[in-house]
Amino acid sequence: AKLPHIAAKIYQNTYKNRVVPSPAPGADWGKQLAVQLGYDSQEFT
């Protein structure tokens, strides 16, 4: 359950603004990762 947030934190710290977007309640693992990486398109999900 923590892996999407951990991956997103590493990504945000390395390439973006160091802020991980809030999780998407009820989203599956892939959607959760996409959202926390900062992408909201269906294609990226």
All heavy atoms as atom14 arrays in JSON, in Angstrom:
{
  "sequence": "AKLPHIAAKIYQNTYKNRVVPSPAPGADWGKQLAVQLGYDSQEFT",
  "atom14_mask": [
    [1, 1, 1, 1, 1, 0, 0, 0, 0, 0, 0, 0, 0, 0],
    [1, 1, 1, 1, 1, 1, 1, 1, 1, 0, 0, 0, 0, 0],
    [1, 1, 1, 1, 1, 1, 1, 1, 0, 0, 0, 0, 0, 0],
    [1, 1, 1, 1, 1, 1, 1, 0, 0, 0, 0, 0, 0, 0],
    [1, 1, 1, 1, 1, 1, 1, 1, 1, 1, 0, 0, 0, 0],
    [1, 1, 1, 1, 1, 1, 1, 1, 0, 0, 0, 0, 0, 0],
    [1, 1, 1, 1, 1, 0, 0, 0, 0, 0, 0, 0, 0, 0],
    [1, 1, 1, 1, 1, 0, 0, 0, 0, 0, 0, 0, 0, 0],
    [1, 1, 1, 1, 1, 1, 1, 1, 1, 0, 0, 0, 0, 0],
    [1, 1, 1, 1, 1, 1, 1, 1, 0, 0, 0, 0, 0, 0],
    [1, 1, 1, 1, 1, 1, 1, 1, 1, 1, 1, 1, 0, 0],
    [1, 1, 1, 1, 1, 1, 1, 1, 1, 0, 0, 0, 0, 0],
    [1, 1, 1, 1, 1, 1, 1, 1, 0, 0, 0, 0, 0, 0],
    [1, 1, 1, 1, 1, 1, 1, 0, 0, 0, 0, 0, 0, 0],
    [1, 1, 1, 1, 1, 1, 1, 1, 1, 1, 1, 1, 0, 0],
    [1, 1, 1, 1, 1, 1, 1, 1, 1, 0, 0, 0, 0, 0],
    [1, 1, 1, 1, 1, 1, 1, 1, 0, 0, 0, 0, 0, 0],
    [1, 1, 1, 1, 1, 1, 1, 1, 1, 1, 1, 0, 0, 0],
    [1, 1, 1, 1, 1, 1, 1, 0, 0, 0, 0, 0, 0, 0],
    [1, 1, 1, 1, 1, 1, 1, 0, 0, 0, 0, 0, 0, 0],
    [1, 1, 1, 1, 1, 1, 1, 0, 0, 0, 0, 0, 0, 0],
    [1, 1, 1, 1, 1, 1, 0, 0, 0, 0, 0, 0, 0, 0],
    [1, 1, 1, 1, 1, 1, 1, 0, 0, 0, 0, 0, 0, 0],
    [1, 1, 1, 1, 1, 0, 0, 0, 0, 0, 0, 0, 0, 0],
    [1, 1, 1, 1, 1, 1, 1, 0, 0, 0, 0, 0, 0, 0],
    [1, 1, 1, 1, 0, 0, 0, 0, 0, 0, 0, 0, 0, 0],
    [1, 1, 1, 1, 1, 0, 0, 0, 0, 0, 0, 0, 0, 0],
    [1, 1, 1, 1, 1, 1, 1, 1, 0, 0, 0, 0, 0, 0],
    [1, 1, 1, 1, 1, 1, 1, 1, 1, 1, 1, 1, 1, 1],
    [1, 1, 1, 1, 0, 0, 0, 0, 0, 0, 0, 0, 0, 0],
    [1, 1, 1, 1, 1, 1, 1, 1, 1, 0, 0, 0, 0, 0],
    [1, 1, 1, 1, 1, 1, 1, 1, 1, 0, 0, 0, 0, 0],
    [1, 1, 1, 1, 1, 1, 1, 1, 0, 0, 0, 0, 0, 0],
    [1, 1, 1, 1, 1, 0, 0, 0, 0, 0, 0, 0, 0, 0],
    [1, 1, 1, 1, 1, 1, 1, 0, 0, 0, 0, 0, 0, 0],
    [1, 1, 1, 1, 1, 1, 1, 1, 1, 0, 0, 0, 0, 0],
    [1, 1, 1, 1, 1, 1, 1, 1, 0, 0, 0, 0, 0, 0],
    [1, 1, 1, 1, 0, 0, 0, 0, 0, 0, 0, 0, 0, 0],
    [1, 1, 1, 1, 1, 1, 1, 1, 1, 1, 1, 1, 0, 0],
    [1, 1, 1, 1, 1, 1, 1, 1, 0, 0, 0, 0, 0, 0],
    [1, 1, 1, 1, 1, 1, 0, 0, 0, 0, 0, 0, 0, 0],
    [1, 1, 1, 1, 1, 1, 1, 1, 1, 0, 0, 0, 0, 0],
    [1, 1, 1, 1, 1, 1, 1, 1, 1, 0, 0, 0, 0, 0],
    [1, 1, 1, 1, 1, 1, 1, 1, 1, 1, 1, 0, 0, 0],
    [1, 1, 1, 1, 1, 1, 1, 0, 0, 0, 0, 0, 0, 0]
  ],
  "atom14_positions": [
    [[0.82, -1.21, 0.0], [0.0, 0.0, 0.0], [0.86, 1.27, 0.0], [0.47, 2.3, -0.54], [-0.93, 0.0, 1.21], [0.0, 0.0, 0.0], [0.0, 0.0, 0.0], [0.0, 0.0, 0.0], [0.0, 0.0, 0.0], [0.0, 0.0, 0.0], [0.0, 0.0, 0.0], [0.0, 0.0, 0.0], [0.0, 0.0, 0.0], [0.0, 0.0, 0.0]],
    [[2.05, 1.18, 0.58], [2.92, 2.35, 0.67], [3.78, 2.59, -0.57], [4.31, 3.68, -0.76], [3.85, 2.21, 1.88], [3.13, 2.31, 3.21], [4.07, 2.07, 4.37], [3.31, 2.19, 5.69], [4.18, 1.95, 6.83], [0.0, 0.0, 0.0], [0.0, 0.0, 0.0], [0.0, 0.0, 0.0], [0.0, 0.0, 0.0], [0.0, 0.0, 0.0]],
    [[3.94, 1.57, -1.41], [4.87, 1.69, -2.54], [4.55, 2.83, -3.51], [5.47, 3.53, -3.93], [4.98, 0.35, -3.27], [5.74, -0.71, -2.51], [5.78, -2.02, -3.32], [7.15, -0.28, -2.17], [0.0, 0.0, 0.0], [0.0, 0.0, 0.0], [0.0, 0.0, 0.0], [0.0, 0.0, 0.0], [0.0, 0.0, 0.0], [0.0, 0.0, 0.0]],
    [[3.28, 3.06, -3.89], [3.04, 4.2, -4.79], [3.52, 5.53, -4.18], [4.11, 6.36, -4.86], [1.52, 4.2, -5.0], [1.13, 2.77, -4.8], [2.05, 2.27, -3.7], [0.0, 0.0, 0.0], [0.0, 0.0, 0.0], [0.0, 0.0, 0.0], [0.0, 0.0, 0.0], [0.0, 0.0, 0.0], [0.0, 0.0, 0.0], [0.0, 0.0, 0.0]],
    [[3.28, 5.71, -2.89], [3.71, 6.96, -2.24], [5.24, 7.05, -2.18], [5.81, 8.12, -2.43], [3.12, 7.07, -0.83], [3.49, 8.36, -0.16], [2.82, 9.53, -0.42], [4.47, 8.66, 0.72], [3.38, 10.51, 0.28], [4.38, 10.01, 0.98], [0.0, 0.0, 0.0], [0.0, 0.0, 0.0], [0.0, 0.0, 0.0], [0.0, 0.0, 0.0]],
    [[5.9, 5.94, -1.88], [7.37, 5.94, -1.82], [7.95, 6.27, -3.19], [8.84, 7.11, -3.33], [7.9, 4.58, -1.31], [7.51, 4.39, 0.16], [9.4, 4.48, -1.49], [7.71, 2.98, 0.67], [0.0, 0.0, 0.0], [0.0, 0.0, 0.0], [0.0, 0.0, 0.0], [0.0, 0.0, 0.0], [0.0, 0.0, 0.0], [0.0, 0.0, 0.0]],
    [[7.42, 5.61, -4.23], [7.9, 5.88, -5.6], [7.63, 7.32, -5.99], [8.49, 8.0, -6.57], [7.24, 4.92, -6.58], [0.0, 0.0, 0.0], [0.0, 0.0, 0.0], [0.0, 0.0, 0.0], [0.0, 0.0, 0.0], [0.0, 0.0, 0.0], [0.0, 0.0, 0.0], [0.0, 0.0, 0.0], [0.0, 0.0, 0.0], [0.0, 0.0, 0.0]],
    [[6.44, 7.82, -5.66], [6.09, 9.2, -5.99], [6.98, 10.19, -5.24], [7.37, 11.23, -5.79], [4.62, 9.45, -5.68], [0.0, 0.0, 0.0], [0.0, 0.0, 0.0], [0.0, 0.0, 0.0], [0.0, 0.0, 0.0], [0.0, 0.0, 0.0], [0.0, 0.0, 0.0], [0.0, 0.0, 0.0], [0.0, 0.0, 0.0], [0.0, 0.0, 0.0]],
    [[7.29, 9.9, -4.0], [8.16, 10.79, -3.21], [9.55, 10.88, -3.84], [10.12, 11.97, -3.97], [8.25, 10.3, -1.76], [9.03, 11.23, -0.85], [8.34, 12.57, -0.7], [9.06, 13.45, 0.29], [8.57, 14.83, 0.24], [0.0, 0.0, 0.0], [0.0, 0.0, 0.0], [0.0, 0.0, 0.0], [0.0, 0.0, 0.0], [0.0, 0.0, 0.0]],
    [[10.08, 9.75, -4.24], [11.39, 9.75, -4.91], [11.32, 10.56, -6.19], [12.18, 11.4, -6.47], [11.86, 8.31, -5.17], [12.15, 7.6, -3.85], [13.08, 8.29, -6.09], [12.33, 6.1, -3.96], [0.0, 0.0, 0.0], [0.0, 0.0, 0.0], [0.0, 0.0, 0.0], [0.0, 0.0, 0.0], [0.0, 0.0, 0.0], [0.0, 0.0, 0.0]],
    [[10.28, 10.33, -6.99], [10.11, 11.05, -8.25], [9.96, 12.56, -8.01], [10.62, 13.37, -8.66], [8.88, 10.51, -9.0], [8.56, 11.26, -10.25], [9.29, 11.04, -11.42], [7.52, 12.18, -10.29], [9.0, 11.72, -12.58], [7.23, 12.87, -11.45], [7.97, 12.64, -12.59], [7.67, 13.33, -13.74], [0.0, 0.0, 0.0], [0.0, 0.0, 0.0]],
    [[9.08, 12.92, -7.08], [8.83, 14.34, -6.8], [10.1, 15.02, -6.27], [10.4, 16.15, -6.63], [7.68, 14.51, -5.81], [6.32, 14.09, -6.35], [5.81, 14.98, -7.46], [6.29, 16.08, -7.7], [4.81, 14.49, -8.18], [0.0, 0.0, 0.0], [0.0, 0.0, 0.0], [0.0, 0.0, 0.0], [0.0, 0.0, 0.0], [0.0, 0.0, 0.0]],
    [[10.84, 14.34, -5.42], [12.08, 14.91, -4.88], [13.14, 15.07, -5.96], [13.93, 16.01, -5.93], [12.64, 14.05, -3.76], [11.87, 14.19, -2.47], [10.99, 15.03, -2.33], [12.18, 13.34, -1.51], [0.0, 0.0, 0.0], [0.0, 0.0, 0.0], [0.0, 0.0, 0.0], [0.0, 0.0, 0.0], [0.0, 0.0, 0.0], [0.0, 0.0, 0.0]],
    [[13.17, 14.15, -6.91], [14.21, 14.16, -7.94], [13.87, 15.1, -9.09], [14.75, 15.83, -9.57], [14.42, 12.74, -8.5], [14.74, 11.87, -7.4], [15.55, 12.7, -9.51], [0.0, 0.0, 0.0], [0.0, 0.0, 0.0], [0.0, 0.0, 0.0], [0.0, 0.0, 0.0], [0.0, 0.0, 0.0], [0.0, 0.0, 0.0], [0.0, 0.0, 0.0]],
    [[12.61, 15.11, -9.53], [12.27, 15.81, -10.77], [11.29, 16.96, -10.63], [11.13, 17.74, -11.56], [11.69, 14.82, -11.8], [12.65, 13.73, -12.15], [12.46, 12.44, -11.67], [13.76, 13.98, -12.94], [13.35, 11.43, -12.0], [14.65, 12.98, -13.27], [14.44, 11.71, -12.8], [15.31, 10.72, -13.11], [0.0, 0.0, 0.0], [0.0, 0.0, 0.0]],
    [[10.62, 17.07, -9.53], [9.55, 18.07, -9.42], [9.76, 18.96, -8.19], [10.87, 19.28, -7.84], [8.17, 17.37, -9.37], [7.85, 16.54, -10.59], [7.6, 17.41, -11.8], [7.24, 16.54, -13.0], [6.77, 17.28, -14.1], [0.0, 0.0, 0.0], [0.0, 0.0, 0.0], [0.0, 0.0, 0.0], [0.0, 0.0, 0.0], [0.0, 0.0, 0.0]],
    [[8.66, 19.28, -7.53], [8.68, 20.27, -6.46], [8.74, 19.69, -5.04], [8.47, 20.39, -4.08], [7.45, 21.17, -6.57], [6.16, 20.38, -6.42], [6.17, 19.18, -6.14], [5.04, 21.05, -6.63], [0.0, 0.0, 0.0], [0.0, 0.0, 0.0], [0.0, 0.0, 0.0], [0.0, 0.0, 0.0], [0.0, 0.0, 0.0], [0.0, 0.0, 0.0]],
    [[9.05, 18.41, -4.92], [9.19, 17.72, -3.64], [7.86, 17.5, -2.91], [7.84, 17.06, -1.78], [10.18, 18.44, -2.73], [11.54, 18.66, -3.38], [12.54, 19.33, -2.46], [12.93, 18.52, -1.33], [13.86, 17.56, -1.34], [14.49, 17.31, -2.45], [14.16, 16.89, -0.26], [0.0, 0.0, 0.0], [0.0, 0.0, 0.0], [0.0, 0.0, 0.0]],
    [[6.73, 17.83, -3.54], [5.42, 17.67, -2.91], [4.67, 16.53, -3.61], [4.49, 16.56, -4.82], [4.6, 18.97, -3.01], [3.21, 18.78, -2.45], [5.32, 20.1, -2.31], [0.0, 0.0, 0.0], [0.0, 0.0, 0.0], [0.0, 0.0, 0.0], [0.0, 0.0, 0.0], [0.0, 0.0, 0.0], [0.0, 0.0, 0.0], [0.0, 0.0, 0.0]],
    [[4.26, 15.54, -2.83], [3.5, 14.42, -3.38], [2.01, 14.78, -3.3], [1.51, 15.07, -2.22], [3.77, 13.11, -2.6], [2.91, 11.98, -3.13], [5.24, 12.76, -2.66], [0.0, 0.0, 0.0], [0.0, 0.0, 0.0], [0.0, 0.0, 0.0], [0.0, 0.0, 0.0], [0.0, 0.0, 0.0], [0.0, 0.0, 0.0], [0.0, 0.0, 0.0]],
    [[1.32, 14.76, -4.45], [-0.13, 15.03, -4.41], [-0.86, 14.04, -3.51], [-0.41, 12.9, -3.32], [-0.55, 14.86, -5.88], [0.69, 15.11, -6.67], [1.81, 14.57, -5.81], [0.0, 0.0, 0.0], [0.0, 0.0, 0.0], [0.0, 0.0, 0.0], [0.0, 0.0, 0.0], [0.0, 0.0, 0.0], [0.0, 0.0, 0.0], [0.0, 0.0, 0.0]],
    [[-1.98, 14.47, -2.98], [-2.78, 13.61, -2.11], [-3.25, 12.38, -2.86], [-3.52, 12.44, -4.06], [-4.01, 14.37, -1.59], [-3.59, 15.44, -0.79], [0.0, 0.0, 0.0], [0.0, 0.0, 0.0], [0.0, 0.0, 0.0], [0.0, 0.0, 0.0], [0.0, 0.0, 0.0], [0.0, 0.0, 0.0], [0.0, 0.0, 0.0], [0.0, 0.0, 0.0]],
    [[-3.35, 11.25, -2.15], [-3.84, 10.03, -2.8], [-5.28, 10.2, -3.3], [-6.02, 11.04, -2.8], [-3.8, 8.99, -1.68], [-3.02, 9.58, -0.58], [-3.02, 11.06, -0.76], [0.0, 0.0, 0.0], [0.0, 0.0, 0.0], [0.0, 0.0, 0.0], [0.0, 0.0, 0.0], [0.0, 0.0, 0.0], [0.0, 0.0, 0.0], [0.0, 0.0, 0.0]],
    [[-5.64, 9.4, -4.27], [-7.0, 9.38, -4.8], [-7.79, 8.32, -4.04], [-7.52, 7.13, -4.19], [-6.98, 9.07, -6.29], [0.0, 0.0, 0.0], [0.0, 0.0, 0.0], [0.0, 0.0, 0.0], [0.0, 0.0, 0.0], [0.0, 0.0, 0.0], [0.0, 0.0, 0.0], [0.0, 0.0, 0.0], [0.0, 0.0, 0.0], [0.0, 0.0, 0.0]],
    [[-8.74, 8.72, -3.21], [-9.49, 7.75, -2.41], [-10.15, 6.69, -3.28], [-10.79, 7.0, -4.29], [-10.55, 8.6, -1.69], [-10.01, 9.99, -1.73], [-9.2, 10.09, -3.0], [0.0, 0.0, 0.0], [0.0, 0.0, 0.0], [0.0, 0.0, 0.0], [0.0, 0.0, 0.0], [0.0, 0.0, 0.0], [0.0, 0.0, 0.0], [0.0, 0.0, 0.0]],
    [[-9.96, 5.43, -2.91], [-10.6, 4.32, -3.61], [-9.99, 3.95, -4.95], [-10.49, 3.07, -5.63], [0.0, 0.0, 0.0], [0.0, 0.0, 0.0], [0.0, 0.0, 0.0], [0.0, 0.0, 0.0], [0.0, 0.0, 0.0], [0.0, 0.0, 0.0], [0.0, 0.0, 0.0], [0.0, 0.0, 0.0], [0.0, 0.0, 0.0], [0.0, 0.0, 0.0]],
    [[-8.91, 4.61, -5.34], [-8.29, 4.33, -6.64], [-7.46, 3.05, -6.58], [-6.95, 2.68, -5.53], [-7.4, 5.5, -7.06], [0.0, 0.0, 0.0], [0.0, 0.0, 0.0], [0.0, 0.0, 0.0], [0.0, 0.0, 0.0], [0.0, 0.0, 0.0], [0.0, 0.0, 0.0], [0.0, 0.0, 0.0], [0.0, 0.0, 0.0], [0.0, 0.0, 0.0]],
    [[-7.35, 2.39, -7.74], [-6.5, 1.19, -7.8], [-5.03, 1.62, -7.75], [-4.7, 2.8, -7.77], [-6.79, 0.37, -9.06], [-6.52, 1.12, -10.35], [-5.35, 1.48, -10.6], [-7.47, 1.34, -11.11], [0.0, 0.0, 0.0], [0.0, 0.0, 0.0], [0.0, 0.0, 0.0], [0.0, 0.0, 0.0], [0.0, 0.0, 0.0], [0.0, 0.0, 0.0]],
    [[-4.15, 0.63, -7.68], [-2.72, 0.88, -7.49], [-2.13, 1.72, -8.62], [-1.35, 2.63, -8.39], [-2.03, -0.48, -7.39], [-0.91, -0.57, -6.43], [-0.86, -0.1, -5.15], [0.35, -1.19, -6.67], [0.35, -0.41, -4.58], [1.1, -1.09, -5.5], [0.91, -1.85, -7.76], [2.38, -1.6, -5.38], [2.18, -2.36, -7.64], [2.9, -2.23, -6.46]],
    [[-2.48, 1.41, -9.87], [-1.95, 2.16, -11.01], [-2.41, 3.6, -11.02], [-1.64, 4.52, -11.28], [0.0, 0.0, 0.0], [0.0, 0.0, 0.0], [0.0, 0.0, 0.0], [0.0, 0.0, 0.0], [0.0, 0.0, 0.0], [0.0, 0.0, 0.0], [0.0, 0.0, 0.0], [0.0, 0.0, 0.0], [0.0, 0.0, 0.0], [0.0, 0.0, 0.0]],
    [[-3.69, 3.82, -10.75], [-4.24, 5.18, -10.69], [-3.59, 5.94, -9.53], [-3.23, 7.11, -9.67], [-5.76, 5.11, -10.51], [-6.42, 6.44, -10.26], [-6.55, 7.25, -11.51], [-7.37, 8.51, -11.26], [-7.47, 9.34, -12.43], [0.0, 0.0, 0.0], [0.0, 0.0, 0.0], [0.0, 0.0, 0.0], [0.0, 0.0, 0.0], [0.0, 0.0, 0.0]],
    [[-3.42, 5.27, -8.4], [-2.8, 5.89, -7.23], [-1.38, 6.38, -7.58], [-1.0, 7.51, -7.24], [-2.74, 4.87, -6.1], [-2.68, 5.44, -4.73], [-3.92, 6.2, -4.38], [-3.95, 7.41, -4.58], [-4.93, 5.55, -3.87], [0.0, 0.0, 0.0], [0.0, 0.0, 0.0], [0.0, 0.0, 0.0], [0.0, 0.0, 0.0], [0.0, 0.0, 0.0]],
    [[-0.63, 5.53, -8.27], [0.72, 5.92, -8.65], [0.7, 7.1, -9.6], [1.44, 8.07, -9.43], [1.47, 4.73, -9.26], [2.91, 5.0, -9.7], [3.76, 5.5, -8.54], [3.52, 3.74, -10.31], [0.0, 0.0, 0.0], [0.0, 0.0, 0.0], [0.0, 0.0, 0.0], [0.0, 0.0, 0.0], [0.0, 0.0, 0.0], [0.0, 0.0, 0.0]],
    [[-0.17, 7.06, -10.6], [-0.27, 8.16, -11.57], [-0.59, 9.48, -10.87], [0.05, 10.5, -11.11], [-1.32, 7.84, -12.63], [0.0, 0.0, 0.0], [0.0, 0.0, 0.0], [0.0, 0.0, 0.0], [0.0, 0.0, 0.0], [0.0, 0.0, 0.0], [0.0, 0.0, 0.0], [0.0, 0.0, 0.0], [0.0, 0.0, 0.0], [0.0, 0.0, 0.0]],
    [[-1.58, 9.44, -10.0], [-2.0, 10.66, -9.29], [-0.87, 11.2, -8.42], [-0.57, 12.39, -8.43], [-3.26, 10.38, -8.43], [-3.52, 11.5, -7.44], [-4.47, 10.16, -9.32], [0.0, 0.0, 0.0], [0.0, 0.0, 0.0], [0.0, 0.0, 0.0], [0.0, 0.0, 0.0], [0.0, 0.0, 0.0], [0.0, 0.0, 0.0], [0.0, 0.0, 0.0]],
    [[-0.2, 10.32, -7.69], [0.85, 10.78, -6.78], [2.11, 11.21, -7.52], [2.9, 11.98, -7.0], [1.13, 9.74, -5.71], [-0.06, 9.6, -4.76], [0.23, 8.74, -3.57], [0.87, 7.7, -3.66], [-0.26, 9.17, -2.42], [0.0, 0.0, 0.0], [0.0, 0.0, 0.0], [0.0, 0.0, 0.0], [0.0, 0.0, 0.0], [0.0, 0.0, 0.0]],
    [[2.28, 10.72, -8.76], [3.38, 11.23, -9.58], [3.04, 12.61, -10.14], [3.91, 13.32, -10.61], [3.69, 10.26, -10.74], [4.35, 8.94, -10.36], [4.47, 8.05, -11.58], [5.71, 9.16, -9.72], [0.0, 0.0, 0.0], [0.0, 0.0, 0.0], [0.0, 0.0, 0.0], [0.0, 0.0, 0.0], [0.0, 0.0, 0.0], [0.0, 0.0, 0.0]],
    [[1.76, 12.96, -10.1], [1.33, 14.29, -10.55], [0.69, 14.3, -11.93], [0.58, 15.36, -12.54], [0.0, 0.0, 0.0], [0.0, 0.0, 0.0], [0.0, 0.0, 0.0], [0.0, 0.0, 0.0], [0.0, 0.0, 0.0], [0.0, 0.0, 0.0], [0.0, 0.0, 0.0], [0.0, 0.0, 0.0], [0.0, 0.0, 0.0], [0.0, 0.0, 0.0]],
    [[0.24, 13.15, -12.4], [-0.39, 13.06, -13.72], [-1.83, 12.62, -13.57], [-2.13, 11.71, -12.8], [0.37, 12.06, -14.61], [1.8, 12.48, -14.84], [2.82, 12.04, -14.02], [2.11, 13.34, -15.88], [4.13, 12.44, -14.22], [3.43, 13.75, -16.1], [4.43, 13.29, -15.26], [5.72, 13.69, -15.47], [0.0, 0.0, 0.0], [0.0, 0.0, 0.0]],
    [[-2.73, 13.26, -14.33], [-4.14, 12.91, -14.17], [-4.8, 12.44, -15.47], [-6.0, 12.25, -15.51], [-4.92, 14.08, -13.57], [-4.89, 15.32, -14.45], [-4.31, 15.29, -15.54], [-5.49, 16.33, -14.04], [0.0, 0.0, 0.0], [0.0, 0.0, 0.0], [0.0, 0.0, 0.0], [0.0, 0.0, 0.0], [0.0, 0.0, 0.0], [0.0, 0.0, 0.0]],
    [[-4.03, 12.22, -16.52], [-4.65, 11.78, -17.77], [-4.94, 10.28, -17.73], [-4.22, 9.51, -17.08], [-3.74, 12.08, -18.96], [-2.63, 11.21, -18.99], [0.0, 0.0, 0.0], [0.0, 0.0, 0.0], [0.0, 0.0, 0.0], [0.0, 0.0, 0.0], [0.0, 0.0, 0.0], [0.0, 0.0, 0.0], [0.0, 0.0, 0.0], [0.0, 0.0, 0.0]],
    [[-5.98, 9.88, -18.43], [-6.35, 8.47, -18.52], [-5.25, 7.67, -19.2], [-4.96, 6.54, -18.82], [-7.67, 8.31, -19.29], [-8.18, 6.89, -19.35], [-8.47, 6.27, -17.98], [-8.83, 6.97, -17.03], [-8.3, 4.97, -17.88], [0.0, 0.0, 0.0], [0.0, 0.0, 0.0], [0.0, 0.0, 0.0], [0.0, 0.0, 0.0], [0.0, 0.0, 0.0]],
    [[-4.59, 8.26, -20.2], [-3.52, 7.57, -20.92], [-2.36, 7.24, -19.98], [-1.82, 6.14, -20.01], [-3.01, 8.41, -22.1], [-4.01, 8.59, -23.21], [-4.98, 9.74, -22.96], [-4.79, 10.53, -21.99], [-5.95, 9.85, -23.71], [0.0, 0.0, 0.0], [0.0, 0.0, 0.0], [0.0, 0.0, 0.0], [0.0, 0.0, 0.0], [0.0, 0.0, 0.0]],
    [[-1.97, 8.19, -19.14], [-0.86, 7.94, -18.22], [-1.25, 6.91, -17.17], [-0.45, 6.05, -16.8], [-0.39, 9.24, -17.55], [0.91, 9.06, -16.81], [2.12, 9.11, -17.49], [0.93, 8.83, -15.44], [3.32, 8.92, -16.82], [2.12, 8.65, -14.76], [3.32, 8.69, -15.46], [0.0, 0.0, 0.0], [0.0, 0.0, 0.0], [0.0, 0.0, 0.0]],
    [[-2.5, 6.96, -16.72], [-2.98, 5.97, -15.75], [-2.91, 4.58, -16.36], [-2.44, 3.63, -15.71], [-4.42, 6.29, -15.31], [-4.42, 7.55, -14.63], [-4.98, 5.22, -14.38], [0.0, 0.0, 0.0], [0.0, 0.0, 0.0], [0.0, 0.0, 0.0], [0.0, 0.0, 0.0], [0.0, 0.0, 0.0], [0.0, 0.0, 0.0], [0.0, 0.0, 0.0]]
  ]
}
